C-alpha atoms as a PDB file:
ATOM      1  CA  MET A   1       0.061   0.408   0.046  1.00  0.00           C
ATOM      2  CA  GLU A   2       1.472   3.709  -0.699  1.00  0.00           C
ATOM      3  CA  TYR A   3       2.343   5.920   1.865  1.00  0.00           C
ATOM      4  CA  ASP A   4      -0.302   8.214   1.062  1.00  0.00           C
ATOM      5  CA  GLN A   5      -3.173   5.126   0.736  1.00  0.00           C
ATOM      6  CA  LEU A   6      -2.620   4.346   4.473  1.00  0.00           C
ATOM      7  CA  TYR A   7      -4.191   7.798   5.576  1.00  0.00           C
ATOM      8  CA  ILE A   8      -6.789   7.601   3.551  1.00  0.00           C
ATOM      9  CA  LYS A   9      -7.576   4.167   5.388  1.00  0.00           C
ATOM     10  CA  ARG A  10      -6.966   5.652   8.432  1.00  0.00           C
ATOM     11  CA  ILE A  11      -9.393   8.333   8.019  1.00  0.00           C
ATOM     12  CA  ARG A  12     -12.151   5.826   6.612  1.00  0.00           C
ATOM     13  CA  THR A  13     -12.120   3.558   9.081  1.00  0.00           C
ATOM     14  CA  LEU A  14     -12.022   6.096  11.751  1.00  0.00           C
ATOM     15  CA  CYS A  15     -15.370   7.946   9.766  1.00  0.00           C
ATOM     16  CA  LYS A  16     -16.495   4.178   9.763  1.00  0.00           C
ATOM     17  CA  LYS A  17     -16.340   3.026  13.192  1.00  0.00           C
ATOM     18  CA  ARG A  18     -17.791   6.616  14.492  1.00  0.00           C
ATOM     19  CA  GLY A  19     -20.511   7.106  11.814  1.00  0.00           C
ATOM     20  CA  ILE A  20     -19.097  10.541  10.886  1.00  0.00           C
ATOM     21  CA  THR A  21     -19.459  11.201   7.112  1.00  0.00           C
ATOM     22  CA  ILE A  22     -16.423  13.363   4.967  1.00  0.00           C
ATOM     23  CA  ASN A  23     -18.778  16.383   5.168  1.00  0.00           C
ATOM     24  CA  LYS A  24     -19.186  15.898   8.791  1.00  0.00           C
ATOM     25  CA  LEU A  25     -15.531  15.452   9.688  1.00  0.00           C
ATOM     26  CA  ALA A  26     -15.001  18.602   7.770  1.00  0.00           C
ATOM     27  CA  THR A  27     -17.163  19.953   9.951  1.00  0.00           C
ATOM     28  CA  MET A  28     -16.014  18.873  13.274  1.00  0.00           C
ATOM     29  CA  SER A  29     -11.768  19.475  12.345  1.00  0.00           C
ATOM     30  CA  ASP A  30     -12.650  22.777  10.694  1.00  0.00           C
ATOM     31  CA  VAL A  31     -10.591  21.663   7.992  1.00  0.00           C
ATOM     32  CA  LYS A  32     -12.550  22.537   4.276  1.00  0.00           C
ATOM     33  CA  GLN A  33     -14.483  20.022   2.528  1.00  0.00           C
ATOM     34  CA  SER A  34     -12.364  20.095  -0.693  1.00  0.00           C
ATOM     35  CA  THR A  35      -8.997  19.573   1.059  1.00  0.00           C
ATOM     36  CA  LEU A  36     -10.807  16.168   2.876  1.00  0.00           C
ATOM     37  CA  ASP A  37     -12.545  15.411  -0.307  1.00  0.00           C
ATOM     38  CA  ASN A  38      -9.035  16.186  -2.085  1.00  0.00           C
ATOM     39  CA  ILE A  39      -7.103  13.761   0.567  1.00  0.00           C
ATOM     40  CA  ILE A  40      -9.426  11.141   0.578  1.00  0.00           C
ATOM     41  CA  ARG A  41      -9.948  10.597  -3.651  1.00  0.00           C
ATOM     42  CA  GLY A  42      -5.603  10.929  -3.245  1.00  0.00           C
ATOM     43  CA  VAL A  43      -5.629  14.177  -4.876  1.00  0.00           C
ATOM     44  CA  THR A  44      -3.208  15.611  -2.095  1.00  0.00           C
ATOM     45  CA  LYS A  45      -0.479  13.215  -1.561  1.00  0.00           C
ATOM     46  CA  ASN A  46       1.287  14.596   1.266  1.00  0.00           C
ATOM     47  CA  PRO A  47      -1.671  16.761   3.870  1.00  0.00           C
ATOM     48  CA  ARG A  48      -0.053  19.307   5.790  1.00  0.00           C
ATOM     49  CA  MET A  49       0.636  18.158   9.704  1.00  0.00           C
ATOM     50  CA  LYS A  50      -1.889  20.958  10.577  1.00  0.00           C
ATOM     51  CA  THR A  51      -4.560  19.398   8.505  1.00  0.00           C
ATOM     52  CA  ILE A  52      -3.960  16.235  10.198  1.00  0.00           C
ATOM     53  CA  HIS A  53      -3.942  17.164  13.350  1.00  0.00           C
ATOM     54  CA  LYS A  54      -7.230  19.012  12.788  1.00  0.00           C
ATOM     55  CA  VAL A  55      -8.248  15.663  11.874  1.00  0.00           C
ATOM     56  CA  ALA A  56      -6.970  13.566  14.878  1.00  0.00           C
ATOM     57  CA  THR A  57      -8.519  16.281  17.060  1.00  0.00           C
ATOM     58  CA  ALA A  58     -12.219  16.208  15.676  1.00  0.00           C
ATOM     59  CA  PHE A  59     -11.680  12.445  16.207  1.00  0.00           C
ATOM     60  CA  ASN A  60     -10.897  12.851  20.090  1.00  0.00           C
ATOM     61  CA  MET A  61      -7.534  11.825  19.206  1.00  0.00           C
ATOM     62  CA  THR A  62      -3.829  12.944  19.776  1.00  0.00           C
ATOM     63  CA  LEU A  63      -2.228  13.650  16.696  1.00  0.00           C
ATOM     64  CA  SER A  64       0.216  10.782  17.784  1.00  0.00           C
ATOM     65  CA  GLU A  65      -3.163   8.705  18.816  1.00  0.00           C
ATOM     66  CA  PHE A  66      -3.835   8.855  15.005  1.00  0.00           C
ATOM     67  CA  LEU A  67      -1.035   8.360  13.823  1.00  0.00           C
ATOM     68  CA  ASP A  68      -0.437   4.552  15.890  1.00  0.00           C
ATOM     69  CA  PHE A  69      -1.884   2.114  13.529  1.00  0.00           C
ATOM     70  CA  ASP A  70      -0.630  -1.288  12.479  1.00  0.00           C
ATOM     71  CA  GLU A  71      -0.041  -0.547   8.970  1.00  0.00           C
ATOM     72  CA  LEU A  72       1.643   3.039   8.931  1.00  0.00           C
ATOM     73  CA  ASN A  73       4.117   1.982  12.477  1.00  0.00           C
ATOM     74  CA  ALA A  74       5.215  -0.855   9.706  1.00  0.00           C
ATOM     75  CA  TYR A  75       5.707   1.037   6.510  1.00  0.00           C
ATOM     76  CA  SER A  76       8.788   1.250   5.051  1.00  0.00           C
ATOM     77  CA  PHE A  77      10.660   3.460   2.872  1.00  0.00           C
ATOM     78  CA  GLU A  78      13.069   1.553   1.563  1.00  0.00           C
ATOM     79  CA  ASP A  79      10.146   0.328  -0.416  1.00  0.00           C
ATOM     80  CA  GLU A  80       9.321   2.823  -2.214  1.00  0.00           C
ATOM     81  CA  SER A  81      10.672   4.548  -5.280  1.00  0.00           C
ATOM     82  CA  GLU A  82      12.340   7.749  -5.428  1.00  0.00           C
ATOM     83  CA  GLU A  83      10.605  10.974  -6.983  1.00  0.00           C
END
């Protein structure tokens, strides 16, 4: 799985688990709907940490809690080709 896909999966999983739509998450996090849409659609490959922090807060999580999940912890950048 590509690195940017990990954020997408994390956001979608948390939304599903908590019964939150992306639109509702945008409101809760004070992140523009278009910004979240771009992240979810994979247009934005490297979202700003400030954006991820706002999303984490909307889920009532710290940034470290949001980023602490198996797929991200196991990710290896060595498998990626340099851009």
